[in-house]
Amino acid sequence: MEFVGRQRELKTLESFYQSNSAGLLILYGRRRIGKTRLITTFLAQHQDSPTFYWMATTHGEAFQLRDFSQAILHHDPRLAGPPTEEFTFSSWEQALHHLADVVALSQTPQLIVLDEFTYLLRNEPAISSIFQKVWDHRLSQIPQLKLILTGSLIGMMAREVIAYQAPLYGRATAQIRLRPLPFSALQELFPQRRADERVAIYGVTGGVPAYLEIFTRTKEFVSALRDHCLVPGSMMMSDPAVILYEQLQEPQTYESVLSAVASGFHQWSDIARMAGVSDTTLGHYLKVLQELEFIERREPVLAKAKSKSGRYFVQDHFLRFYYRFVVPQIGPIERGYQEAAAKKIYAELRPFLGESVFEELCREWVWAAAMAGQLDFVPEVVGSYWRTYRGQGVQLDVVAAAPREKRLLIGEAKWGRDSLSRRLLPDLVKRSQRMPQVAEGWATHYVLFGREGFTDALQQEAAETGVQLVSLAQMELTLRST
């Protein structure tokens, strides 16, 4: 698959590489996110520079030390021939000092990449302290050394490398947490697809490069689901369990919590009931899932501090799709009914895309539009709003606010196939009056977001009242320009 996006990350890597002093860069992110692809792409840009690349595995410590030792000696230009197969340094510290000797010979910057460092940490927890010692006393004194440590076990990377109490804390000169590709990247990957198909692909893959690659194999969305995604043993069927089992203890309980939230239960008591855990213990599971960025807590825009109105949502798009749609179909899929499962999922996907994916893209558009100068104020916060007042509930899909200026943007997102009609506007204005800031007279700008477009009558009224109309095509242009 074509390498797209990641320009910001490549710029960070280039600045790190060009530094006049020794550097330590921490690169981490979930499985399949493209860490190795990012590194290999960057290495290809500097293929004339000496590079040492080694990937840790899940093997035991003795095997990994021998493998690391062999790689170092193969990299040592002073040796006339390859080492014996049995050779290994006596310790990690000795191996790192030998590697330092090799790097010190270079007259130009030398990249040292230790890929999947967290696998090494899991087998040998003391390795971070060893690295700290060698970094402080030797490696940091070699200006041409550029050391990159990568890891997929996010929790372990945070605890053992990044956290304040971690041995390597404060040593990193640069840090990248690699996240999924943004929706705008799909325009480069799937230029021939319709915009709504790109939204569907994004809703399923969450922008994870390895999953996006699956949808480049066929031009039809349902075919990709049937032939490549919903296949026993495929990465999209097996990855959720692997991700959770790698990161967590008691993964079954975390799966229950994820399934409850993905199925539409967003409030504390409802999540606890559906996940089969007590109200008192649920907090632990939600906290860990939030730290891993699998789940997020959202508050209504401008809600008071410590509001009890908070709701929980699955933040990881792929996990949200998997637990919402795939888990209920695992039985038929395992029995070979992939086509029936794919058709059922596709039939139920439209409201999911509207309620989850499209609304989130509309909120992203607000930030992008503000940056592009398409709004007459710059918001301080963007989200949504919900409230029950005097027995009446109100839900506003998109709300952006600049409290110091008393400015609001309120939007409605519609994923229907028909052009949006004129009647939507007065309904949105009426519902927005239940938001206290609107009732108090804050300057309010209205926006309607439509998948297909807008009727002539709505366009005329919008022009007369200053309401902004944003189609999916326009949204893509704005998101791509930022």
Protein backbone atom coordinates (compact mmCIF):
# COMPACT_ATOMS: atom_id res chain seq x y z
CA MET A 1 0.00 0.00 0.00
CA GLU A 2 1.17 3.51 -0.78
CA PHE A 3 2.78 5.34 2.14
CA VAL A 4 0.65 8.39 2.88
CA GLY A 5 0.45 10.95 5.65
CA ARG A 6 2.91 10.95 8.54
CA GLN A 7 4.52 14.19 7.35
CA ARG A 8 4.60 15.58 10.86
CA GLU A 9 6.22 12.40 12.19
CA LEU A 10 8.79 12.37 9.39
CA LYS A 11 9.63 15.99 10.18
CA THR A 12 10.18 15.06 13.84
CA LEU A 13 12.44 12.19 12.81
CA GLU A 14 14.42 14.46 10.49
CA SER A 15 14.96 17.08 13.20
CA PHE A 16 16.03 14.30 15.56
CA TYR A 17 18.47 12.97 12.95
CA GLN A 18 19.99 16.38 12.18
CA SER A 19 20.68 17.24 15.81
CA ASN A 20 24.31 17.91 16.71
CA SER A 21 24.12 15.83 19.88
CA ALA A 22 23.23 12.25 20.79
CA GLY A 23 19.52 11.56 20.55
CA LEU A 24 17.01 9.12 22.00
CA LEU A 25 13.61 8.96 20.31
CA ILE A 26 10.70 6.98 21.73
CA LEU A 27 8.19 5.81 19.11
CA TYR A 28 5.15 3.88 20.33
CA GLY A 29 1.63 2.98 19.29
CA ARG A 30 -0.77 0.04 19.05
CA ARG A 31 -0.27 -2.98 16.81
CA ARG A 32 -0.67 -2.48 13.03
CA ILE A 33 -0.38 1.29 13.37
CA GLY A 34 2.62 1.54 11.03
CA LYS A 35 5.60 2.10 13.34
CA THR A 36 7.94 -0.17 11.39
CA ARG A 37 6.72 1.25 8.05
CA LEU A 38 7.40 4.78 9.29
CA ILE A 39 10.91 3.83 10.39
CA THR A 40 11.76 1.95 7.19
CA THR A 41 10.46 4.86 5.10
CA PHE A 42 12.65 7.25 7.05
CA LEU A 43 15.66 4.93 6.78
CA ALA A 44 15.15 4.80 3.01
CA GLN A 45 15.52 8.60 2.96
CA HIS A 46 18.93 8.18 4.59
CA GLN A 47 20.10 4.97 2.95
CA ASP A 48 23.63 6.34 2.56
CA SER A 49 23.99 6.65 6.33
CA PRO A 50 25.11 3.69 8.46
CA THR A 51 22.11 2.08 10.17
CA PHE A 52 21.69 -0.63 12.77
CA TYR A 53 18.21 -2.20 12.90
CA TRP A 54 17.19 -4.96 15.30
CA MET A 55 13.72 -6.21 16.19
CA ALA A 56 13.00 -7.82 19.55
CA THR A 57 10.75 -10.89 19.66
CA THR A 58 8.76 -12.78 22.26
CA HIS A 59 11.60 -15.29 22.76
CA GLY A 60 13.37 -15.70 26.09
CA GLU A 61 16.11 -13.37 27.28
CA ALA A 62 19.05 -15.67 26.40
CA PHE A 63 17.83 -16.07 22.81
CA GLN A 64 17.31 -12.31 22.40
CA LEU A 65 20.72 -11.42 23.85
CA ARG A 66 22.39 -13.84 21.45
CA ASP A 67 20.38 -12.50 18.51
CA PHE A 68 21.24 -8.89 19.49
CA SER A 69 24.91 -9.83 19.91
CA GLN A 70 25.01 -11.44 16.47
CA ALA A 71 23.44 -8.35 14.89
CA ILE A 72 26.00 -6.06 16.54
CA LEU A 73 28.96 -8.09 15.29
CA HIS A 74 27.52 -8.21 11.77
CA HIS A 75 27.36 -4.40 11.99
CA ASP A 76 30.95 -4.02 13.22
CA PRO A 77 33.17 -3.01 10.25
CA ARG A 78 36.32 -4.02 12.14
CA LEU A 79 35.51 -7.74 11.96
CA ALA A 80 36.79 -9.66 8.96
CA GLY A 81 34.10 -12.33 9.01
CA PRO A 82 30.77 -13.26 10.58
CA PRO A 83 30.64 -14.41 14.23
CA THR A 84 30.11 -18.04 15.17
CA GLU A 85 26.46 -19.02 15.58
CA GLU A 86 26.94 -19.60 19.30
CA PHE A 87 28.52 -16.25 20.08
CA THR A 88 26.79 -13.98 22.57
CA PHE A 89 27.92 -11.18 24.81
CA SER A 90 27.83 -12.05 28.48
CA SER A 91 25.38 -9.27 29.32
CA TRP A 92 23.19 -6.59 27.78
CA GLU A 93 25.50 -3.95 29.21
CA GLN A 94 28.52 -5.46 27.45
CA ALA A 95 26.56 -5.68 24.19
CA LEU A 96 25.50 -2.04 24.39
CA HIS A 97 29.04 -0.88 25.13
CA HIS A 98 30.29 -2.79 22.07
CA LEU A 99 27.57 -1.16 19.97
CA ALA A 100 28.69 2.22 21.33
CA ASP A 101 32.25 1.45 20.20
CA VAL A 102 30.99 0.73 16.69
CA VAL A 103 28.92 3.93 16.50
CA ALA A 104 31.85 6.00 17.77
CA LEU A 105 33.80 4.98 14.66
CA SER A 106 31.32 6.74 12.38
CA GLN A 107 31.94 10.25 11.12
CA THR A 108 28.27 10.84 10.29
CA PRO A 109 24.98 10.41 12.19
CA GLN A 110 24.19 6.74 12.73
CA LEU A 111 20.66 5.46 13.32
CA ILE A 112 20.25 2.67 15.87
CA VAL A 113 16.74 1.22 15.81
CA LEU A 114 15.54 -1.26 18.42
CA ASP A 115 12.10 -2.24 17.18
CA GLU A 116 9.45 -3.67 19.55
CA PHE A 117 11.51 -2.75 22.60
CA THR A 118 8.56 -3.59 24.84
CA TYR A 119 8.87 -7.30 23.97
CA LEU A 120 12.37 -7.11 25.40
CA LEU A 121 11.10 -5.29 28.47
CA ARG A 122 8.46 -7.93 29.08
CA ASN A 123 11.07 -10.71 29.18
CA GLU A 124 13.72 -8.70 31.02
CA PRO A 125 12.21 -5.83 33.09
CA ALA A 126 15.68 -4.72 34.25
CA ILE A 127 16.65 -3.81 30.68
CA SER A 128 15.36 -0.24 31.07
CA SER A 129 17.70 0.30 34.04
CA ILE A 130 20.58 -1.15 32.02
CA PHE A 131 19.79 1.19 29.15
CA GLN A 132 19.65 4.12 31.54
CA LYS A 133 23.09 3.31 32.93
CA VAL A 134 24.72 2.85 29.53
CA TRP A 135 22.94 5.90 28.11
CA ASP A 136 24.04 8.15 30.96
CA HIS A 137 27.66 7.01 31.00
CA ARG A 138 28.38 6.21 27.36
CA LEU A 139 25.76 6.51 24.66
CA SER A 140 24.76 10.09 25.41
CA GLN A 141 28.40 11.13 24.95
CA ILE A 142 28.47 10.05 21.28
CA PRO A 143 27.00 12.95 19.24
CA GLN A 144 26.57 10.88 16.06
CA LEU A 145 24.37 8.30 17.83
CA LYS A 146 20.63 8.48 17.09
CA LEU A 147 18.84 5.77 19.08
CA ILE A 148 15.20 4.92 18.35
CA LEU A 149 13.19 2.65 20.67
CA THR A 150 9.77 1.49 19.44
CA GLY A 151 7.03 -0.43 21.20
CA SER A 152 3.50 -1.73 20.70
CA LEU A 153 2.68 -2.45 24.34
CA ILE A 154 1.48 1.04 25.17
CA GLY A 155 0.90 0.49 28.87
CA MET A 156 4.35 -1.01 29.35
CA MET A 157 5.99 1.75 27.32
CA ALA A 158 4.28 4.33 29.52
CA ARG A 159 5.24 2.63 32.78
CA GLU A 160 8.79 1.52 31.98
CA VAL A 161 10.05 4.22 29.59
CA ILE A 162 7.97 7.42 29.69
CA ALA A 163 6.56 7.64 33.23
CA TYR A 164 8.20 9.87 35.83
CA GLN A 165 9.39 6.90 37.90
CA ALA A 166 10.73 4.97 34.87
CA PRO A 167 14.55 4.61 34.61
CA LEU A 168 14.64 6.23 31.17
CA TYR A 169 12.44 9.16 32.17
CA GLY A 170 13.87 12.46 30.94
CA ARG A 171 16.42 10.84 28.63
CA ALA A 172 14.35 10.98 25.45
CA THR A 173 15.13 13.95 23.23
CA ALA A 174 12.03 13.28 21.09
CA GLN A 175 8.84 11.26 21.44
CA ILE A 176 6.16 10.15 18.99
CA ARG A 177 2.94 8.39 19.90
CA LEU A 178 1.83 7.11 16.53
CA ARG A 179 -1.91 7.22 16.07
CA PRO A 180 -4.16 6.07 13.21
CA LEU A 181 -4.11 7.94 9.92
CA PRO A 182 -6.66 10.77 9.73
CA PHE A 183 -9.70 10.51 7.51
CA SER A 184 -8.09 12.92 5.04
CA ALA A 185 -5.45 10.29 4.21
CA LEU A 186 -8.15 8.07 2.70
CA GLN A 187 -8.58 10.52 -0.16
CA GLU A 188 -5.04 9.67 -1.27
CA LEU A 189 -5.47 5.92 -0.73
CA PHE A 190 -8.92 5.62 -2.35
CA PRO A 191 -9.22 8.50 -4.84
CA GLN A 192 -11.62 6.54 -7.06
CA ARG A 193 -14.09 5.71 -4.28
CA ARG A 194 -17.13 7.79 -3.42
CA ALA A 195 -16.77 10.00 -0.35
CA ASP A 196 -19.39 8.03 1.59
CA GLU A 197 -17.48 4.80 0.87
CA ARG A 198 -14.37 6.39 2.34
CA VAL A 199 -16.36 7.21 5.47
CA ALA A 200 -17.48 3.56 5.67
CA ILE A 201 -13.90 2.30 5.28
CA TYR A 202 -12.75 4.74 7.93
CA GLY A 203 -15.51 3.63 10.27
CA VAL A 204 -14.41 0.01 9.98
CA THR A 205 -10.63 0.46 10.01
CA GLY A 206 -10.28 3.56 12.14
CA GLY A 207 -7.41 4.65 9.92
CA VAL A 208 -5.15 1.78 10.99
CA PRO A 209 -2.82 1.27 7.99
CA ALA A 210 -2.78 -2.54 8.04
CA TYR A 211 -6.59 -2.64 7.94
CA LEU A 212 -6.80 0.06 5.28
CA GLU A 213 -4.58 -2.08 3.07
CA ILE A 214 -7.28 -4.77 3.06
CA PHE A 215 -9.69 -2.41 1.32
CA THR A 216 -7.17 -1.70 -1.45
CA ARG A 217 -7.48 -5.35 -2.58
CA THR A 218 -11.01 -5.03 -3.93
CA LYS A 219 -13.20 -2.20 -5.22
CA GLU A 220 -16.34 -3.32 -3.39
CA PHE A 221 -16.84 -2.64 0.29
CA VAL A 222 -18.96 -5.73 0.99
CA SER A 223 -16.49 -7.95 -0.90
CA ALA A 224 -13.67 -6.68 1.28
CA LEU A 225 -15.68 -7.47 4.39
CA ARG A 226 -16.64 -10.94 3.17
CA ASP A 227 -13.37 -12.08 1.62
CA HIS A 228 -10.73 -10.41 3.78
CA CYS A 229 -12.14 -9.08 7.06
CA LEU A 230 -14.72 -11.63 8.23
CA VAL A 231 -12.50 -14.65 7.69
CA PRO A 232 -11.56 -16.90 10.62
CA GLY A 233 -7.91 -16.27 11.46
CA SER A 234 -7.70 -12.97 9.58
CA MET A 235 -5.97 -10.07 11.34
CA MET A 236 -9.24 -8.20 11.79
CA MET A 237 -10.81 -11.20 13.48
CA SER A 238 -7.86 -12.06 15.70
CA ASP A 239 -6.32 -8.69 16.52
CA PRO A 240 -8.80 -7.48 19.20
CA ALA A 241 -8.09 -10.45 21.46
CA VAL A 242 -4.33 -10.18 20.84
CA ILE A 243 -4.35 -6.44 21.56
CA LEU A 244 -6.17 -6.92 24.86
CA TYR A 245 -4.27 -10.01 25.97
CA GLU A 246 -0.94 -8.27 25.31
CA GLN A 247 -1.87 -5.16 27.23
CA LEU A 248 -4.09 -6.32 30.07
CA GLN A 249 -4.72 -8.73 32.87
CA GLU A 250 -8.29 -10.07 33.07
CA PRO A 251 -8.88 -9.25 29.39
CA GLN A 252 -12.29 -10.94 29.46
CA THR A 253 -13.71 -8.28 31.76
CA TYR A 254 -12.28 -5.49 29.64
CA GLU A 255 -13.87 -7.11 26.59
CA SER A 256 -17.22 -7.09 28.37
CA VAL A 257 -16.86 -3.38 29.10
CA LEU A 258 -15.86 -2.61 25.51
CA SER A 259 -18.79 -4.64 24.17
CA ALA A 260 -21.25 -2.80 26.41
CA VAL A 261 -20.02 0.65 25.39
CA ALA A 262 -19.75 -0.26 21.69
CA SER A 263 -23.34 -1.56 21.80
CA GLY A 264 -24.64 1.86 22.81
CA PHE A 265 -24.54 1.84 26.61
CA HIS A 266 -22.69 5.02 27.52
CA GLN A 267 -23.65 5.77 31.11
CA TRP A 268 -21.90 4.31 34.15
CA SER A 269 -24.76 2.25 35.59
CA ASP A 270 -25.78 0.89 32.18
CA ILE A 271 -22.20 -0.12 31.33
CA ALA A 272 -21.78 -1.88 34.69
CA ARG A 273 -25.06 -3.76 34.25
CA MET A 274 -24.36 -4.90 30.71
CA ALA A 275 -20.71 -5.79 31.41
CA GLY A 276 -21.62 -7.76 34.52
CA VAL A 277 -19.42 -5.79 36.91
CA SER A 278 -20.29 -3.79 40.01
CA ASP A 279 -20.59 -0.02 39.98
CA THR A 280 -17.65 0.20 42.38
CA THR A 281 -15.23 -1.88 40.30
CA LEU A 282 -16.18 -0.45 36.90
CA GLY A 283 -14.04 2.63 37.50
CA HIS A 284 -10.82 0.60 37.43
CA TYR A 285 -11.60 -0.95 34.05
CA LEU A 286 -12.69 2.35 32.52
CA LYS A 287 -9.56 4.11 33.80
CA VAL A 288 -7.23 1.54 32.22
CA LEU A 289 -9.15 1.56 28.92
CA GLN A 290 -8.96 5.36 28.88
CA GLU A 291 -5.19 5.29 29.45
CA LEU A 292 -4.84 2.97 26.45
CA GLU A 293 -7.09 5.32 24.41
CA PHE A 294 -9.58 2.52 23.77
CA ILE A 295 -12.35 4.39 25.58
CA GLU A 296 -12.90 8.08 26.25
CA ARG A 297 -15.18 10.01 28.57
CA ARG A 298 -17.06 12.91 27.03
CA GLU A 299 -18.80 15.75 28.79
CA PRO A 300 -21.41 18.06 27.28
CA VAL A 301 -19.70 21.19 25.95
CA LEU A 302 -19.51 23.85 28.70
CA ALA A 303 -20.63 21.38 31.36
CA LYS A 304 -19.66 22.24 34.92
CA ALA A 305 -16.53 20.68 36.38
CA LYS A 306 -17.07 17.13 37.71
CA SER A 307 -20.41 16.98 35.93
CA LYS A 308 -22.42 13.80 36.39
CA SER A 309 -23.52 14.01 32.76
CA GLY A 310 -20.38 12.37 31.37
CA ARG A 311 -20.73 9.47 28.96
CA TYR A 312 -18.26 6.86 27.78
CA PHE A 313 -17.54 6.00 24.14
CA VAL A 314 -15.21 3.58 22.39
CA GLN A 315 -12.48 5.84 21.07
CA ASP A 316 -10.74 3.27 18.89
CA HIS A 317 -12.83 3.08 15.70
CA PHE A 318 -11.79 -0.44 14.78
CA LEU A 319 -12.56 -1.86 18.24
CA ARG A 320 -15.88 -0.02 18.21
CA PHE A 321 -16.77 -1.65 14.88
CA TYR A 322 -15.54 -5.06 15.99
CA TYR A 323 -17.46 -5.21 19.27
CA ARG A 324 -20.56 -3.60 17.82
CA PHE A 325 -20.88 -5.71 14.65
CA VAL A 326 -18.40 -8.56 14.42
CA VAL A 327 -18.76 -10.13 17.87
CA PRO A 328 -22.51 -10.85 17.39
CA GLN A 329 -21.65 -12.56 14.06
CA ILE A 330 -18.73 -14.70 15.25
CA GLY A 331 -20.88 -17.85 15.31
CA PRO A 332 -22.01 -17.60 11.66
CA ILE A 333 -18.52 -16.49 10.57
CA GLU A 334 -16.85 -19.50 12.18
CA ARG A 335 -19.36 -21.76 10.39
CA GLY A 336 -18.49 -20.27 7.02
CA TYR A 337 -21.39 -17.86 6.52
CA GLN A 338 -19.19 -14.87 5.72
CA GLU A 339 -21.44 -13.55 2.97
CA ALA A 340 -24.54 -13.52 5.16
CA ALA A 341 -22.58 -11.88 7.99
CA ALA A 342 -21.14 -9.24 5.64
CA LYS A 343 -24.58 -8.37 4.24
CA LYS A 344 -26.12 -8.14 7.71
CA ILE A 345 -23.33 -5.90 8.96
CA TYR A 346 -23.55 -3.68 5.88
CA ALA A 347 -27.32 -3.34 6.30
CA GLU A 348 -26.90 -2.17 9.89
CA LEU A 349 -23.90 0.04 9.20
CA ARG A 350 -25.69 3.19 7.97
CA PRO A 351 -27.04 4.45 11.33
CA PHE A 352 -23.71 3.57 12.97
CA LEU A 353 -21.80 5.67 10.43
CA GLY A 354 -24.16 8.58 10.96
CA GLU A 355 -24.26 8.50 14.77
CA SER A 356 -20.60 7.75 15.33
CA VAL A 357 -18.25 8.31 12.42
CA PHE A 358 -19.88 11.16 10.49
CA GLU A 359 -20.65 13.19 13.61
CA GLU A 360 -17.04 12.86 14.74
CA LEU A 361 -15.81 13.98 11.33
CA CYS A 362 -18.11 17.01 11.55
CA ARG A 363 -16.49 17.96 14.85
CA GLU A 364 -13.05 17.52 13.29
CA TRP A 365 -14.20 19.79 10.46
CA VAL A 366 -14.85 22.58 12.96
CA TRP A 367 -11.22 22.62 14.07
CA ALA A 368 -10.00 22.40 10.48
CA ALA A 369 -12.38 25.13 9.31
CA ALA A 370 -11.25 27.44 12.10
CA MET A 371 -7.62 26.86 11.10
CA ALA A 372 -8.48 27.53 7.45
CA GLY A 373 -10.27 30.78 8.29
CA GLN A 374 -13.71 29.46 7.30
CA LEU A 375 -15.27 30.45 10.64
CA ASP A 376 -15.59 33.93 12.11
CA PHE A 377 -14.22 32.83 15.49
CA VAL A 378 -11.74 30.30 16.83
CA PRO A 379 -13.34 27.83 19.26
CA GLU A 380 -11.71 26.82 22.51
CA VAL A 381 -13.64 23.58 22.79
CA VAL A 382 -15.50 21.38 20.31
CA GLY A 383 -17.81 18.50 21.16
CA SER A 384 -21.50 17.79 21.47
CA TYR A 385 -24.22 18.69 23.96
CA TRP A 386 -26.91 16.76 25.75
CA ARG A 387 -29.19 17.64 28.61
CA THR A 388 -32.49 16.75 30.20
CA TYR A 389 -34.34 19.77 31.54
CA ARG A 390 -37.89 19.80 32.92
CA GLY A 391 -38.54 16.42 31.40
CA GLN A 392 -37.31 17.46 27.97
CA GLY A 393 -34.14 16.03 26.50
CA VAL A 394 -31.94 17.79 23.99
CA GLN A 395 -29.10 16.41 21.89
CA LEU A 396 -26.93 18.66 19.72
CA ASP A 397 -24.49 16.81 17.45
CA VAL A 398 -21.83 19.50 17.07
CA VAL A 399 -21.17 22.34 19.49
CA ALA A 400 -18.11 24.60 19.49
CA ALA A 401 -17.61 27.36 22.01
CA ALA A 402 -15.39 30.35 22.75
CA PRO A 403 -16.57 31.17 26.31
CA ARG A 404 -14.53 34.35 26.73
CA GLU A 405 -16.13 35.80 23.59
CA LYS A 406 -19.52 34.21 24.31
CA ARG A 407 -19.56 32.66 20.84
CA LEU A 408 -21.12 29.35 19.82
CA LEU A 409 -21.32 27.15 16.75
CA ILE A 410 -24.14 24.62 16.78
CA GLY A 411 -24.47 22.01 14.09
CA GLU A 412 -26.65 19.11 13.01
CA ALA A 413 -25.19 16.11 11.16
CA LYS A 414 -27.39 14.06 8.82
CA TRP A 415 -26.19 10.87 7.09
CA GLY A 416 -29.35 10.23 5.06
CA ARG A 417 -29.22 9.71 1.31
CA ASP A 418 -31.64 12.57 0.56
CA SER A 419 -30.76 16.24 0.29
CA LEU A 420 -31.41 18.08 3.54
CA SER A 421 -34.65 20.05 3.55
CA ARG A 422 -35.61 23.46 4.88
CA ARG A 423 -37.52 22.10 7.89
CA LEU A 424 -34.31 20.97 9.62
CA LEU A 425 -33.15 24.51 10.33
CA PRO A 426 -36.02 25.78 12.53
CA ASP A 427 -35.96 22.46 14.41
CA LEU A 428 -32.26 22.88 15.17
CA VAL A 429 -32.73 26.49 16.29
CA LYS A 430 -35.63 25.49 18.55
CA ARG A 431 -33.70 22.65 20.19
CA SER A 432 -30.63 24.82 20.69
CA GLN A 433 -32.71 27.21 22.85
CA ARG A 434 -32.59 24.57 25.60
CA MET A 435 -28.87 25.18 25.90
CA PRO A 436 -28.44 27.85 28.63
CA GLN A 437 -25.82 29.85 26.75
CA VAL A 438 -28.10 30.21 23.72
CA ALA A 439 -30.98 31.30 25.93
CA GLU A 440 -28.67 33.85 27.56
CA GLY A 441 -27.98 35.47 24.20
CA TRP A 442 -24.55 34.15 23.22
CA ALA A 443 -23.79 34.84 19.55
CA THR A 444 -24.70 31.59 17.82
CA HIS A 445 -23.69 30.41 14.36
CA TYR A 446 -25.57 27.44 12.88
CA VAL A 447 -24.19 24.78 10.55
CA LEU A 448 -25.94 21.90 8.80
CA PHE A 449 -23.81 18.96 7.66
CA GLY A 450 -25.23 16.75 4.91
CA ARG A 451 -23.99 13.62 3.21
CA GLU A 452 -25.60 14.33 -0.17
CA GLY A 453 -26.32 18.04 -0.23
CA PHE A 454 -29.19 20.46 0.31
CA THR A 455 -32.48 21.40 -1.32
CA ASP A 456 -32.78 24.70 -3.16
CA ALA A 457 -35.18 26.01 -0.49
CA LEU A 458 -32.70 25.29 2.29
CA GLN A 459 -29.86 26.86 0.36
CA GLN A 460 -31.91 30.02 -0.15
CA GLU A 461 -32.88 30.27 3.51
CA ALA A 462 -29.31 29.57 4.61
CA ALA A 463 -28.05 32.40 2.40
CA GLU A 464 -30.62 34.77 3.93
CA THR A 465 -29.95 33.82 7.56
CA GLY A 466 -26.18 33.23 7.47
CA VAL A 467 -26.44 29.53 8.20
CA GLN A 468 -23.50 27.51 6.91
CA LEU A 469 -24.15 24.39 4.81
CA VAL A 470 -21.38 21.82 4.60
CA SER A 471 -21.63 18.78 2.34
CA LEU A 472 -19.45 15.71 2.72
CA ALA A 473 -17.48 16.74 -0.37
CA GLN A 474 -16.82 20.20 1.10
CA MET A 475 -15.87 18.63 4.41
CA GLU A 476 -13.27 16.45 2.71
CA LEU A 477 -11.71 19.47 1.02
CA THR A 478 -11.35 21.32 4.32
CA LEU A 479 -10.01 18.32 6.22
CA ARG A 480 -7.45 17.65 3.52
CA SER A 481 -6.21 21.24 3.41
CA THR A 482 -5.11 21.29 7.08
